[in-house]
N, C-alpha and C. Protein backbone atom coordinates (compact mmCIF):
# COMPACT_ATOMS: atom_id res chain seq x y z
N MET A 1 -16.56 -19.96 -49.60
CA MET A 1 -15.62 -19.10 -48.88
C MET A 1 -16.22 -18.69 -47.54
N LYS A 2 -15.43 -18.78 -46.51
CA LYS A 2 -15.88 -18.43 -45.16
C LYS A 2 -15.41 -17.02 -44.82
N VAL A 3 -16.33 -16.17 -44.36
CA VAL A 3 -16.00 -14.79 -44.00
C VAL A 3 -16.22 -14.60 -42.50
N ILE A 4 -15.15 -14.19 -41.82
CA ILE A 4 -15.19 -13.93 -40.38
C ILE A 4 -14.98 -12.44 -40.15
N VAL A 5 -15.92 -11.81 -39.48
CA VAL A 5 -15.81 -10.39 -39.15
C VAL A 5 -15.53 -10.25 -37.66
N VAL A 6 -14.50 -9.46 -37.33
CA VAL A 6 -14.16 -9.20 -35.93
C VAL A 6 -14.58 -7.76 -35.64
N ALA A 7 -15.49 -7.58 -34.69
CA ALA A 7 -16.08 -6.26 -34.50
C ALA A 7 -16.36 -5.95 -33.04
N ASN A 8 -16.19 -4.68 -32.71
CA ASN A 8 -16.58 -4.12 -31.42
C ASN A 8 -16.56 -2.60 -31.61
N PRO A 9 -17.58 -1.88 -31.16
CA PRO A 9 -17.60 -0.44 -31.39
C PRO A 9 -16.56 0.33 -30.59
N LYS A 10 -15.98 -0.32 -29.58
CA LYS A 10 -15.03 0.35 -28.70
C LYS A 10 -13.60 0.10 -29.17
N GLY A 11 -12.80 1.14 -29.20
CA GLY A 11 -11.39 0.99 -29.51
C GLY A 11 -10.65 0.31 -28.37
N GLY A 12 -9.59 -0.41 -28.69
CA GLY A 12 -8.78 -1.05 -27.65
C GLY A 12 -9.37 -2.31 -27.07
N ALA A 13 -10.36 -2.89 -27.74
CA ALA A 13 -11.02 -4.10 -27.22
C ALA A 13 -10.27 -5.37 -27.57
N GLY A 14 -9.33 -5.27 -28.53
CA GLY A 14 -8.57 -6.45 -28.94
C GLY A 14 -8.98 -7.02 -30.28
N LYS A 15 -9.61 -6.19 -31.12
CA LYS A 15 -10.06 -6.67 -32.43
C LYS A 15 -8.89 -7.16 -33.29
N SER A 16 -7.83 -6.38 -33.34
CA SER A 16 -6.69 -6.75 -34.19
C SER A 16 -5.98 -8.00 -33.67
N THR A 17 -5.90 -8.13 -32.35
CA THR A 17 -5.30 -9.34 -31.77
C THR A 17 -6.08 -10.58 -32.20
N LEU A 18 -7.40 -10.49 -32.11
CA LEU A 18 -8.23 -11.62 -32.53
C LEU A 18 -8.12 -11.87 -34.03
N ALA A 19 -8.22 -10.80 -34.82
CA ALA A 19 -8.21 -10.95 -36.28
C ALA A 19 -6.92 -11.58 -36.78
N THR A 20 -5.78 -11.13 -36.27
CA THR A 20 -4.50 -11.66 -36.75
C THR A 20 -4.30 -13.11 -36.31
N ASN A 21 -4.74 -13.43 -35.11
CA ASN A 21 -4.58 -14.81 -34.65
C ASN A 21 -5.55 -15.76 -35.35
N ILE A 22 -6.74 -15.28 -35.67
CA ILE A 22 -7.68 -16.11 -36.44
C ILE A 22 -7.12 -16.36 -37.84
N ALA A 23 -6.58 -15.31 -38.46
CA ALA A 23 -5.97 -15.48 -39.79
C ALA A 23 -4.79 -16.45 -39.71
N GLY A 24 -3.97 -16.32 -38.67
CA GLY A 24 -2.85 -17.23 -38.49
C GLY A 24 -3.29 -18.66 -38.27
N TYR A 25 -4.40 -18.83 -37.56
CA TYR A 25 -4.94 -20.18 -37.34
C TYR A 25 -5.37 -20.81 -38.66
N PHE A 26 -6.17 -20.10 -39.42
CA PHE A 26 -6.63 -20.65 -40.70
C PHE A 26 -5.46 -20.97 -41.62
N ALA A 27 -4.46 -20.08 -41.65
CA ALA A 27 -3.29 -20.32 -42.51
C ALA A 27 -2.53 -21.56 -42.06
N SER A 28 -2.44 -21.76 -40.74
CA SER A 28 -1.73 -22.93 -40.21
C SER A 28 -2.42 -24.24 -40.58
N ARG A 29 -3.70 -24.14 -40.92
CA ARG A 29 -4.48 -25.32 -41.32
C ARG A 29 -4.43 -25.56 -42.83
N GLY A 30 -3.66 -24.73 -43.52
CA GLY A 30 -3.48 -24.92 -44.95
C GLY A 30 -4.50 -24.22 -45.82
N HIS A 31 -5.30 -23.33 -45.24
CA HIS A 31 -6.31 -22.62 -46.02
C HIS A 31 -5.70 -21.42 -46.75
N HIS A 32 -6.38 -20.95 -47.78
CA HIS A 32 -5.97 -19.76 -48.53
C HIS A 32 -6.67 -18.56 -47.89
N VAL A 33 -5.91 -17.81 -47.10
CA VAL A 33 -6.48 -16.81 -46.20
C VAL A 33 -6.17 -15.39 -46.67
N MET A 34 -7.17 -14.52 -46.55
CA MET A 34 -6.96 -13.09 -46.75
C MET A 34 -7.38 -12.35 -45.49
N LEU A 35 -6.59 -11.36 -45.11
CA LEU A 35 -6.88 -10.53 -43.94
C LEU A 35 -7.08 -9.10 -44.41
N GLY A 36 -8.27 -8.56 -44.17
CA GLY A 36 -8.57 -7.18 -44.53
C GLY A 36 -8.64 -6.31 -43.30
N ASP A 37 -8.03 -5.13 -43.37
CA ASP A 37 -7.97 -4.23 -42.22
C ASP A 37 -8.71 -2.93 -42.54
N ALA A 38 -9.93 -2.80 -42.03
CA ALA A 38 -10.71 -1.58 -42.23
C ALA A 38 -10.57 -0.62 -41.06
N ASP A 39 -9.82 -1.02 -40.03
CA ASP A 39 -9.62 -0.18 -38.86
C ASP A 39 -8.68 0.98 -39.22
N THR A 40 -8.97 2.15 -38.69
CA THR A 40 -8.15 3.32 -39.01
C THR A 40 -6.74 3.21 -38.46
N GLN A 41 -6.55 2.43 -37.40
CA GLN A 41 -5.21 2.26 -36.84
C GLN A 41 -4.33 1.35 -37.68
N GLN A 42 -4.94 0.51 -38.51
CA GLN A 42 -4.22 -0.36 -39.44
C GLN A 42 -3.25 -1.32 -38.74
N SER A 43 -3.62 -1.79 -37.56
CA SER A 43 -2.76 -2.70 -36.81
C SER A 43 -2.60 -4.05 -37.50
N SER A 44 -3.69 -4.57 -38.06
CA SER A 44 -3.61 -5.86 -38.75
C SER A 44 -2.75 -5.75 -40.02
N LYS A 45 -2.85 -4.62 -40.69
CA LYS A 45 -2.03 -4.41 -41.89
C LYS A 45 -0.55 -4.37 -41.51
N PHE A 46 -0.24 -3.72 -40.39
CA PHE A 46 1.14 -3.70 -39.89
C PHE A 46 1.62 -5.12 -39.61
N TRP A 47 0.77 -5.91 -38.99
CA TRP A 47 1.10 -7.31 -38.68
C TRP A 47 1.43 -8.07 -39.95
N LEU A 48 0.63 -7.86 -40.99
CA LEU A 48 0.88 -8.53 -42.27
C LEU A 48 2.23 -8.13 -42.85
N GLN A 49 2.58 -6.86 -42.70
CA GLN A 49 3.84 -6.36 -43.24
C GLN A 49 5.04 -6.95 -42.50
N GLN A 50 4.86 -7.30 -41.24
CA GLN A 50 5.96 -7.87 -40.44
C GLN A 50 6.06 -9.38 -40.57
N ARG A 51 5.07 -10.01 -41.15
CA ARG A 51 5.00 -11.47 -41.15
C ARG A 51 6.14 -12.10 -41.94
N PRO A 52 6.92 -13.00 -41.32
CA PRO A 52 8.03 -13.65 -42.01
C PRO A 52 7.55 -14.51 -43.18
N PRO A 53 8.23 -14.46 -44.31
CA PRO A 53 7.79 -15.20 -45.50
C PRO A 53 7.82 -16.71 -45.34
N LYS A 54 8.57 -17.21 -44.36
CA LYS A 54 8.67 -18.67 -44.18
C LYS A 54 7.42 -19.24 -43.50
N LEU A 55 6.59 -18.39 -42.92
CA LEU A 55 5.39 -18.85 -42.21
C LEU A 55 4.23 -19.05 -43.19
N PRO A 56 3.20 -19.82 -42.79
CA PRO A 56 2.03 -19.99 -43.65
C PRO A 56 1.50 -18.63 -44.12
N PHE A 57 1.25 -18.53 -45.41
CA PHE A 57 0.97 -17.24 -46.03
C PHE A 57 -0.43 -16.73 -45.70
N VAL A 58 -0.49 -15.44 -45.38
CA VAL A 58 -1.76 -14.73 -45.22
C VAL A 58 -1.72 -13.54 -46.18
N ALA A 59 -2.63 -13.52 -47.13
CA ALA A 59 -2.65 -12.45 -48.13
C ALA A 59 -3.33 -11.19 -47.56
N THR A 60 -2.93 -10.05 -48.11
CA THR A 60 -3.53 -8.78 -47.72
C THR A 60 -4.72 -8.47 -48.61
N TRP A 61 -5.85 -8.18 -48.00
CA TRP A 61 -7.00 -7.70 -48.75
C TRP A 61 -7.04 -6.19 -48.55
N GLU A 62 -6.72 -5.44 -49.59
CA GLU A 62 -6.63 -3.99 -49.49
C GLU A 62 -8.02 -3.38 -49.29
N ILE A 63 -8.20 -2.79 -48.12
CA ILE A 63 -9.45 -2.12 -47.78
C ILE A 63 -9.11 -0.72 -47.31
N GLU A 64 -9.86 0.26 -47.79
CA GLU A 64 -9.62 1.63 -47.34
C GLU A 64 -10.00 1.75 -45.87
N ALA A 65 -9.10 2.36 -45.09
CA ALA A 65 -9.32 2.48 -43.65
C ALA A 65 -10.64 3.19 -43.36
N GLY A 66 -11.41 2.59 -42.47
CA GLY A 66 -12.68 3.17 -42.08
C GLY A 66 -13.84 2.85 -43.00
N GLN A 67 -13.58 2.06 -44.06
CA GLN A 67 -14.61 1.74 -45.04
C GLN A 67 -14.98 0.26 -45.00
N VAL A 68 -16.19 -0.04 -45.39
CA VAL A 68 -16.64 -1.43 -45.52
C VAL A 68 -16.17 -1.95 -46.87
N PRO A 69 -15.55 -3.14 -46.91
CA PRO A 69 -15.09 -3.68 -48.20
C PRO A 69 -16.26 -3.95 -49.15
N THR A 70 -16.07 -3.58 -50.41
CA THR A 70 -17.12 -3.81 -51.41
C THR A 70 -16.68 -4.80 -52.48
N ALA A 71 -15.38 -4.86 -52.74
CA ALA A 71 -14.88 -5.78 -53.77
C ALA A 71 -14.91 -7.22 -53.25
N LYS A 72 -14.88 -8.16 -54.19
CA LYS A 72 -14.81 -9.57 -53.82
C LYS A 72 -13.36 -10.01 -53.75
N PRO A 73 -13.01 -10.89 -52.81
CA PRO A 73 -11.65 -11.43 -52.76
C PRO A 73 -11.37 -12.24 -54.03
N PRO A 74 -10.11 -12.39 -54.40
CA PRO A 74 -9.78 -13.15 -55.61
C PRO A 74 -10.20 -14.61 -55.51
N LYS A 75 -10.39 -15.22 -56.67
CA LYS A 75 -10.74 -16.64 -56.72
C LYS A 75 -9.66 -17.46 -56.04
N GLY A 76 -10.08 -18.53 -55.40
CA GLY A 76 -9.14 -19.40 -54.70
C GLY A 76 -9.05 -19.10 -53.23
N THR A 77 -9.55 -17.92 -52.81
CA THR A 77 -9.56 -17.58 -51.39
C THR A 77 -10.60 -18.45 -50.68
N THR A 78 -10.18 -19.09 -49.60
CA THR A 78 -11.11 -19.96 -48.86
C THR A 78 -11.61 -19.32 -47.57
N HIS A 79 -10.79 -18.43 -46.99
CA HIS A 79 -11.15 -17.82 -45.72
C HIS A 79 -10.78 -16.34 -45.73
N VAL A 80 -11.72 -15.49 -45.33
CA VAL A 80 -11.48 -14.06 -45.22
C VAL A 80 -11.73 -13.63 -43.78
N VAL A 81 -10.79 -12.85 -43.24
CA VAL A 81 -10.94 -12.28 -41.89
C VAL A 81 -10.92 -10.77 -42.04
N ILE A 82 -11.91 -10.09 -41.47
CA ILE A 82 -12.00 -8.63 -41.58
C ILE A 82 -11.91 -8.00 -40.20
N ASP A 83 -10.91 -7.14 -40.03
CA ASP A 83 -10.71 -6.36 -38.81
C ASP A 83 -11.42 -5.02 -39.02
N THR A 84 -12.40 -4.72 -38.20
CA THR A 84 -13.27 -3.56 -38.44
C THR A 84 -12.90 -2.36 -37.57
N PRO A 85 -13.35 -1.16 -37.97
CA PRO A 85 -13.03 0.04 -37.20
C PRO A 85 -13.91 0.18 -35.96
N ALA A 86 -13.42 0.95 -34.99
CA ALA A 86 -14.24 1.30 -33.83
C ALA A 86 -15.42 2.15 -34.31
N GLY A 87 -16.52 2.07 -33.57
CA GLY A 87 -17.68 2.87 -33.93
C GLY A 87 -18.54 2.27 -35.02
N LEU A 88 -18.24 1.03 -35.42
CA LEU A 88 -19.01 0.39 -36.49
C LEU A 88 -20.46 0.20 -36.08
N GLY A 89 -21.37 0.55 -36.98
CA GLY A 89 -22.79 0.39 -36.70
C GLY A 89 -23.61 0.80 -37.90
N GLY A 90 -24.93 0.77 -37.75
CA GLY A 90 -25.81 1.24 -38.80
C GLY A 90 -25.70 0.45 -40.09
N ALA A 91 -25.73 1.17 -41.22
CA ALA A 91 -25.73 0.55 -42.54
C ALA A 91 -24.45 -0.24 -42.80
N ALA A 92 -23.32 0.28 -42.31
CA ALA A 92 -22.03 -0.40 -42.53
C ALA A 92 -22.02 -1.75 -41.82
N LEU A 93 -22.50 -1.79 -40.58
CA LEU A 93 -22.56 -3.04 -39.84
C LEU A 93 -23.52 -4.01 -40.53
N LYS A 94 -24.66 -3.51 -40.96
CA LYS A 94 -25.65 -4.37 -41.63
C LYS A 94 -25.06 -5.02 -42.87
N GLU A 95 -24.32 -4.24 -43.67
CA GLU A 95 -23.72 -4.77 -44.89
C GLU A 95 -22.69 -5.86 -44.58
N LEU A 96 -21.87 -5.62 -43.56
CA LEU A 96 -20.86 -6.61 -43.18
C LEU A 96 -21.50 -7.89 -42.66
N VAL A 97 -22.52 -7.73 -41.83
CA VAL A 97 -23.20 -8.90 -41.25
C VAL A 97 -23.83 -9.76 -42.34
N GLN A 98 -24.38 -9.12 -43.35
CA GLN A 98 -25.00 -9.86 -44.44
C GLN A 98 -23.99 -10.66 -45.25
N ARG A 99 -22.73 -10.23 -45.24
CA ARG A 99 -21.68 -10.92 -45.99
C ARG A 99 -20.94 -11.94 -45.14
N ALA A 100 -21.11 -11.85 -43.82
CA ALA A 100 -20.32 -12.67 -42.90
C ALA A 100 -20.97 -14.01 -42.62
N ASP A 101 -20.13 -15.01 -42.44
CA ASP A 101 -20.60 -16.29 -41.91
C ASP A 101 -20.64 -16.23 -40.39
N LYS A 102 -19.63 -15.53 -39.83
CA LYS A 102 -19.56 -15.42 -38.37
C LYS A 102 -19.03 -14.05 -37.98
N VAL A 103 -19.58 -13.53 -36.90
CA VAL A 103 -19.10 -12.27 -36.32
C VAL A 103 -18.61 -12.59 -34.92
N ILE A 104 -17.37 -12.24 -34.65
CA ILE A 104 -16.78 -12.53 -33.35
C ILE A 104 -16.46 -11.20 -32.66
N VAL A 105 -16.91 -11.07 -31.42
CA VAL A 105 -16.82 -9.80 -30.69
C VAL A 105 -15.89 -9.96 -29.49
N PRO A 106 -14.71 -9.31 -29.53
CA PRO A 106 -13.84 -9.34 -28.35
C PRO A 106 -14.38 -8.38 -27.29
N LEU A 107 -14.27 -8.78 -26.04
CA LEU A 107 -14.84 -7.96 -24.97
C LEU A 107 -13.95 -8.01 -23.74
N MET A 108 -13.59 -6.84 -23.25
CA MET A 108 -12.77 -6.75 -22.04
C MET A 108 -13.68 -6.83 -20.81
N PRO A 109 -13.13 -7.34 -19.69
CA PRO A 109 -13.96 -7.56 -18.49
C PRO A 109 -14.08 -6.32 -17.61
N GLY A 110 -14.58 -5.24 -18.17
CA GLY A 110 -14.76 -4.02 -17.40
C GLY A 110 -16.17 -3.48 -17.58
N VAL A 111 -16.66 -2.76 -16.59
CA VAL A 111 -18.02 -2.22 -16.63
C VAL A 111 -18.21 -1.32 -17.84
N PHE A 112 -17.25 -0.44 -18.11
CA PHE A 112 -17.38 0.50 -19.22
C PHE A 112 -17.34 -0.22 -20.56
N ASP A 113 -16.52 -1.27 -20.65
CA ASP A 113 -16.44 -2.04 -21.89
C ASP A 113 -17.77 -2.75 -22.17
N MET A 114 -18.32 -3.36 -21.13
CA MET A 114 -19.60 -4.06 -21.31
C MET A 114 -20.72 -3.08 -21.64
N GLN A 115 -20.71 -1.93 -20.98
CA GLN A 115 -21.75 -0.92 -21.24
C GLN A 115 -21.66 -0.43 -22.68
N ALA A 116 -20.42 -0.20 -23.17
CA ALA A 116 -20.22 0.31 -24.53
C ALA A 116 -20.60 -0.72 -25.58
N THR A 117 -20.54 -2.00 -25.23
CA THR A 117 -20.79 -3.07 -26.19
C THR A 117 -22.24 -3.57 -26.15
N HIS A 118 -22.97 -3.20 -25.11
CA HIS A 118 -24.32 -3.72 -24.90
C HIS A 118 -25.23 -3.45 -26.09
N ALA A 119 -25.35 -2.18 -26.48
CA ALA A 119 -26.24 -1.81 -27.59
C ALA A 119 -25.78 -2.44 -28.90
N PHE A 120 -24.46 -2.55 -29.07
CA PHE A 120 -23.90 -3.15 -30.28
C PHE A 120 -24.31 -4.61 -30.41
N LEU A 121 -24.22 -5.35 -29.32
CA LEU A 121 -24.59 -6.76 -29.35
C LEU A 121 -26.09 -6.93 -29.59
N LEU A 122 -26.88 -6.06 -29.00
CA LEU A 122 -28.33 -6.11 -29.26
C LEU A 122 -28.62 -5.87 -30.74
N GLU A 123 -27.90 -4.90 -31.33
CA GLU A 123 -28.06 -4.61 -32.76
C GLU A 123 -27.63 -5.82 -33.60
N LEU A 124 -26.52 -6.43 -33.21
CA LEU A 124 -26.04 -7.61 -33.93
C LEU A 124 -27.06 -8.74 -33.89
N MET A 125 -27.60 -9.00 -32.72
CA MET A 125 -28.56 -10.09 -32.57
C MET A 125 -29.82 -9.82 -33.39
N GLN A 126 -30.21 -8.55 -33.45
CA GLN A 126 -31.39 -8.19 -34.25
C GLN A 126 -31.10 -8.38 -35.74
N LEU A 127 -29.91 -7.97 -36.18
CA LEU A 127 -29.54 -8.07 -37.60
C LEU A 127 -29.42 -9.52 -38.05
N THR A 128 -28.98 -10.39 -37.15
CA THR A 128 -28.73 -11.78 -37.53
C THR A 128 -29.91 -12.71 -37.24
N ARG A 129 -30.99 -12.15 -36.73
CA ARG A 129 -32.13 -12.97 -36.29
C ARG A 129 -32.67 -13.85 -37.42
N LYS A 130 -32.68 -13.32 -38.64
CA LYS A 130 -33.21 -14.08 -39.78
C LYS A 130 -32.11 -14.45 -40.78
N LEU A 131 -30.87 -14.37 -40.32
CA LEU A 131 -29.74 -14.72 -41.18
C LEU A 131 -29.03 -15.95 -40.63
N PRO A 132 -28.27 -16.65 -41.47
CA PRO A 132 -27.48 -17.79 -40.97
C PRO A 132 -26.21 -17.36 -40.23
N THR A 133 -25.93 -16.06 -40.23
CA THR A 133 -24.72 -15.53 -39.58
C THR A 133 -24.73 -15.84 -38.09
N LYS A 134 -23.61 -16.39 -37.60
CA LYS A 134 -23.46 -16.71 -36.19
C LYS A 134 -22.67 -15.61 -35.48
N VAL A 135 -23.02 -15.35 -34.22
CA VAL A 135 -22.34 -14.33 -33.41
C VAL A 135 -21.79 -14.98 -32.15
N GLY A 136 -20.56 -14.64 -31.78
CA GLY A 136 -19.96 -15.15 -30.56
C GLY A 136 -19.08 -14.10 -29.90
N VAL A 137 -18.92 -14.20 -28.59
CA VAL A 137 -18.11 -13.26 -27.81
C VAL A 137 -16.89 -13.97 -27.26
N VAL A 138 -15.75 -13.27 -27.27
CA VAL A 138 -14.52 -13.78 -26.66
C VAL A 138 -14.07 -12.79 -25.59
N GLY A 139 -13.91 -13.27 -24.38
CA GLY A 139 -13.37 -12.43 -23.32
C GLY A 139 -11.88 -12.21 -23.54
N ASN A 140 -11.46 -10.96 -23.57
CA ASN A 140 -10.07 -10.63 -23.87
C ASN A 140 -9.36 -10.07 -22.64
N ARG A 141 -8.14 -10.53 -22.40
CA ARG A 141 -7.34 -10.12 -21.23
C ARG A 141 -8.11 -10.42 -19.95
N VAL A 142 -8.50 -11.67 -19.83
CA VAL A 142 -9.36 -12.10 -18.72
C VAL A 142 -8.64 -13.11 -17.83
N ASP A 143 -8.78 -12.93 -16.52
CA ASP A 143 -8.36 -13.94 -15.56
C ASP A 143 -9.62 -14.70 -15.15
N ALA A 144 -9.69 -15.97 -15.52
CA ALA A 144 -10.91 -16.76 -15.31
C ALA A 144 -11.27 -16.92 -13.84
N ARG A 145 -10.35 -16.59 -12.93
CA ARG A 145 -10.60 -16.79 -11.50
C ARG A 145 -11.23 -15.58 -10.84
N THR A 146 -11.45 -14.51 -11.58
CA THR A 146 -11.88 -13.25 -10.98
C THR A 146 -13.39 -13.02 -11.06
N ILE A 147 -13.85 -12.09 -10.23
CA ILE A 147 -15.25 -11.67 -10.27
C ILE A 147 -15.56 -11.02 -11.61
N ALA A 148 -14.60 -10.30 -12.16
CA ALA A 148 -14.79 -9.64 -13.46
C ALA A 148 -15.14 -10.65 -14.54
N CYS A 149 -14.51 -11.81 -14.48
CA CYS A 149 -14.81 -12.87 -15.46
C CYS A 149 -16.23 -13.38 -15.26
N ALA A 150 -16.62 -13.56 -14.01
CA ALA A 150 -17.99 -14.02 -13.72
C ALA A 150 -19.01 -13.01 -14.23
N ASN A 151 -18.70 -11.72 -14.07
CA ASN A 151 -19.59 -10.67 -14.56
C ASN A 151 -19.71 -10.70 -16.08
N LEU A 152 -18.58 -11.02 -16.73
CA LEU A 152 -18.57 -11.10 -18.19
C LEU A 152 -19.46 -12.25 -18.67
N LYS A 153 -19.36 -13.39 -17.99
CA LYS A 153 -20.22 -14.54 -18.32
C LYS A 153 -21.69 -14.18 -18.17
N GLU A 154 -22.00 -13.52 -17.07
CA GLU A 154 -23.38 -13.14 -16.78
C GLU A 154 -23.90 -12.16 -17.84
N PHE A 155 -23.03 -11.23 -18.24
CA PHE A 155 -23.39 -10.24 -19.25
C PHE A 155 -23.74 -10.91 -20.57
N ALA A 156 -22.89 -11.83 -21.02
CA ALA A 156 -23.14 -12.53 -22.29
C ALA A 156 -24.41 -13.37 -22.21
N ALA A 157 -24.60 -14.03 -21.08
CA ALA A 157 -25.79 -14.88 -20.90
C ALA A 157 -27.07 -14.05 -20.94
N SER A 158 -27.01 -12.84 -20.41
CA SER A 158 -28.20 -11.98 -20.37
C SER A 158 -28.65 -11.58 -21.77
N LEU A 159 -27.72 -11.60 -22.73
CA LEU A 159 -28.04 -11.23 -24.11
C LEU A 159 -28.23 -12.46 -24.99
N ASP A 160 -28.08 -13.64 -24.39
CA ASP A 160 -28.21 -14.89 -25.13
C ASP A 160 -27.19 -14.98 -26.27
N VAL A 161 -25.97 -14.51 -25.98
CA VAL A 161 -24.87 -14.59 -26.94
C VAL A 161 -23.87 -15.62 -26.42
N PRO A 162 -23.45 -16.58 -27.25
CA PRO A 162 -22.50 -17.58 -26.77
C PRO A 162 -21.14 -16.98 -26.41
N MET A 163 -20.65 -17.33 -25.22
CA MET A 163 -19.30 -16.94 -24.81
C MET A 163 -18.37 -18.06 -25.27
N LEU A 164 -17.54 -17.76 -26.25
CA LEU A 164 -16.72 -18.79 -26.89
C LEU A 164 -15.50 -19.18 -26.07
N GLY A 165 -14.99 -18.25 -25.29
CA GLY A 165 -13.79 -18.54 -24.50
C GLY A 165 -13.20 -17.27 -23.94
N TYR A 166 -12.06 -17.45 -23.26
CA TYR A 166 -11.39 -16.34 -22.60
C TYR A 166 -9.90 -16.39 -22.93
N LEU A 167 -9.33 -15.25 -23.26
CA LEU A 167 -7.90 -15.16 -23.53
C LEU A 167 -7.24 -14.38 -22.40
N ARG A 168 -6.19 -14.94 -21.86
CA ARG A 168 -5.52 -14.29 -20.74
C ARG A 168 -4.67 -13.11 -21.22
N ASP A 169 -4.29 -12.27 -20.28
CA ASP A 169 -3.42 -11.13 -20.55
C ASP A 169 -1.97 -11.62 -20.48
N THR A 170 -1.31 -11.70 -21.63
CA THR A 170 0.06 -12.20 -21.66
C THR A 170 0.90 -11.39 -22.63
N GLN A 171 2.19 -11.27 -22.33
CA GLN A 171 3.11 -10.51 -23.18
C GLN A 171 3.31 -11.18 -24.54
N TYR A 172 2.94 -12.44 -24.66
CA TYR A 172 3.11 -13.14 -25.94
C TYR A 172 2.36 -12.41 -27.06
N TYR A 173 1.18 -11.90 -26.76
CA TYR A 173 0.39 -11.24 -27.80
C TYR A 173 1.09 -9.97 -28.31
N LEU A 174 1.71 -9.23 -27.40
CA LEU A 174 2.46 -8.03 -27.81
C LEU A 174 3.66 -8.41 -28.66
N HIS A 175 4.38 -9.44 -28.25
CA HIS A 175 5.55 -9.91 -29.00
C HIS A 175 5.14 -10.38 -30.39
N MET A 176 4.07 -11.14 -30.46
CA MET A 176 3.63 -11.68 -31.75
C MET A 176 3.17 -10.57 -32.69
N ALA A 177 2.46 -9.59 -32.14
CA ALA A 177 1.98 -8.49 -32.97
C ALA A 177 3.12 -7.74 -33.63
N ALA A 178 4.22 -7.59 -32.90
CA ALA A 178 5.37 -6.83 -33.42
C ALA A 178 6.15 -7.59 -34.48
N HIS A 179 5.96 -8.91 -34.55
CA HIS A 179 6.76 -9.73 -35.47
C HIS A 179 5.92 -10.49 -36.50
N GLY A 180 4.65 -10.15 -36.60
CA GLY A 180 3.81 -10.80 -37.61
C GLY A 180 3.50 -12.25 -37.32
N LEU A 181 3.47 -12.61 -36.05
CA LEU A 181 3.24 -14.00 -35.65
C LEU A 181 1.84 -14.17 -35.05
N SER A 182 1.39 -15.41 -35.03
CA SER A 182 0.18 -15.77 -34.31
C SER A 182 0.52 -16.87 -33.31
N MET A 183 -0.41 -17.18 -32.44
CA MET A 183 -0.20 -18.27 -31.49
C MET A 183 0.11 -19.59 -32.19
N PHE A 184 -0.32 -19.70 -33.42
CA PHE A 184 -0.20 -20.96 -34.15
C PHE A 184 1.09 -21.05 -34.96
N ASP A 185 1.95 -20.03 -34.79
CA ASP A 185 3.26 -20.03 -35.44
C ASP A 185 4.39 -20.32 -34.46
N ILE A 186 4.04 -20.44 -33.18
CA ILE A 186 5.03 -20.61 -32.12
C ILE A 186 5.06 -22.06 -31.67
N THR A 187 6.23 -22.52 -31.22
CA THR A 187 6.34 -23.88 -30.70
C THR A 187 5.26 -24.12 -29.64
N PRO A 188 4.41 -25.12 -29.83
CA PRO A 188 3.26 -25.32 -28.93
C PRO A 188 3.63 -25.38 -27.45
N ALA A 189 4.78 -25.95 -27.13
CA ALA A 189 5.16 -26.07 -25.72
C ALA A 189 5.32 -24.70 -25.05
N GLN A 190 5.68 -23.68 -25.84
CA GLN A 190 5.88 -22.34 -25.28
C GLN A 190 4.56 -21.66 -24.92
N VAL A 191 3.51 -22.01 -25.63
CA VAL A 191 2.23 -21.31 -25.46
C VAL A 191 1.09 -22.30 -25.18
N GLU A 192 1.42 -23.34 -24.44
CA GLU A 192 0.45 -24.42 -24.20
C GLU A 192 -0.85 -23.91 -23.57
N LYS A 193 -0.72 -23.06 -22.55
CA LYS A 193 -1.91 -22.53 -21.87
C LYS A 193 -2.77 -21.72 -22.83
N ASP A 194 -2.11 -20.94 -23.67
CA ASP A 194 -2.85 -20.07 -24.59
C ASP A 194 -3.54 -20.88 -25.68
N LEU A 195 -2.87 -21.91 -26.18
CA LEU A 195 -3.49 -22.75 -27.20
C LEU A 195 -4.71 -23.48 -26.65
N GLU A 196 -4.66 -23.85 -25.37
CA GLU A 196 -5.82 -24.47 -24.73
C GLU A 196 -7.00 -23.50 -24.71
N GLN A 197 -6.70 -22.22 -24.47
CA GLN A 197 -7.77 -21.22 -24.45
C GLN A 197 -8.36 -21.00 -25.84
N TRP A 198 -7.54 -21.20 -26.85
CA TRP A 198 -8.01 -21.01 -28.23
C TRP A 198 -8.83 -22.19 -28.75
N GLU A 199 -8.72 -23.34 -28.13
CA GLU A 199 -9.39 -24.55 -28.65
C GLU A 199 -10.89 -24.37 -28.88
N PRO A 200 -11.66 -23.89 -27.88
CA PRO A 200 -13.11 -23.75 -28.13
C PRO A 200 -13.43 -22.68 -29.17
N ILE A 201 -12.58 -21.66 -29.25
CA ILE A 201 -12.78 -20.60 -30.25
C ILE A 201 -12.57 -21.16 -31.65
N CYS A 202 -11.48 -21.91 -31.81
CA CYS A 202 -11.18 -22.52 -33.11
C CYS A 202 -12.25 -23.53 -33.52
N HIS A 203 -12.74 -24.27 -32.53
CA HIS A 203 -13.81 -25.24 -32.82
C HIS A 203 -15.04 -24.52 -33.37
N TRP A 204 -15.39 -23.40 -32.77
CA TRP A 204 -16.54 -22.61 -33.22
C TRP A 204 -16.30 -22.05 -34.62
N LEU A 205 -15.08 -21.58 -34.86
CA LEU A 205 -14.74 -21.03 -36.17
C LEU A 205 -14.83 -22.09 -37.27
N ASP A 206 -14.48 -23.32 -36.93
CA ASP A 206 -14.44 -24.40 -37.93
C ASP A 206 -15.83 -24.97 -38.24
N LYS A 207 -16.75 -24.80 -37.30
CA LYS A 207 -18.09 -25.36 -37.50
C LYS A 207 -18.82 -24.63 -38.63
N ASN A 208 -19.66 -25.37 -39.35
CA ASN A 208 -20.47 -24.74 -40.41
C ASN A 208 -21.63 -23.96 -39.81
């Protein structure tokens, strides 16, 4: 079973957007997926409740808001995605990292966002130093042509954390969140640019 943890100590970084789209991606590939929402805002849980039954199924993993999951997913589950609360750190982060195959960190291209995430990434790298757990960063709401994007690349490189890709700021994500959809549930021609941005991220997720 593959466990993907989506984490950032800062609220509003795009954790739920990443978590729901990752779950949607795995489901579109025919995997048995569970999505757990430990965030107090419960955005991923709302997404699950809105998801049309005709789409590839994503099961709900009931997690108490603000808590680290302790129970095991049911047998037959192949992929678990966990949306974590803001402020995650310390013992809770350590426990999640030990259970995760991969930790993916969404990051906005702003000075305050990078500053708030700096210590968290250092902690992550220290926790995973002797573990097989992989860590990657995804730039969220990024225009690849801007200085802010260049600063984001430089920031990730300074910490020796792989920058997996960049997701642009588009209304599609808001629309999908409201209707329980992911990028992988929409006609590809409508979201061609966005699917291209997801390719390197999905490749990283699929690797052992």
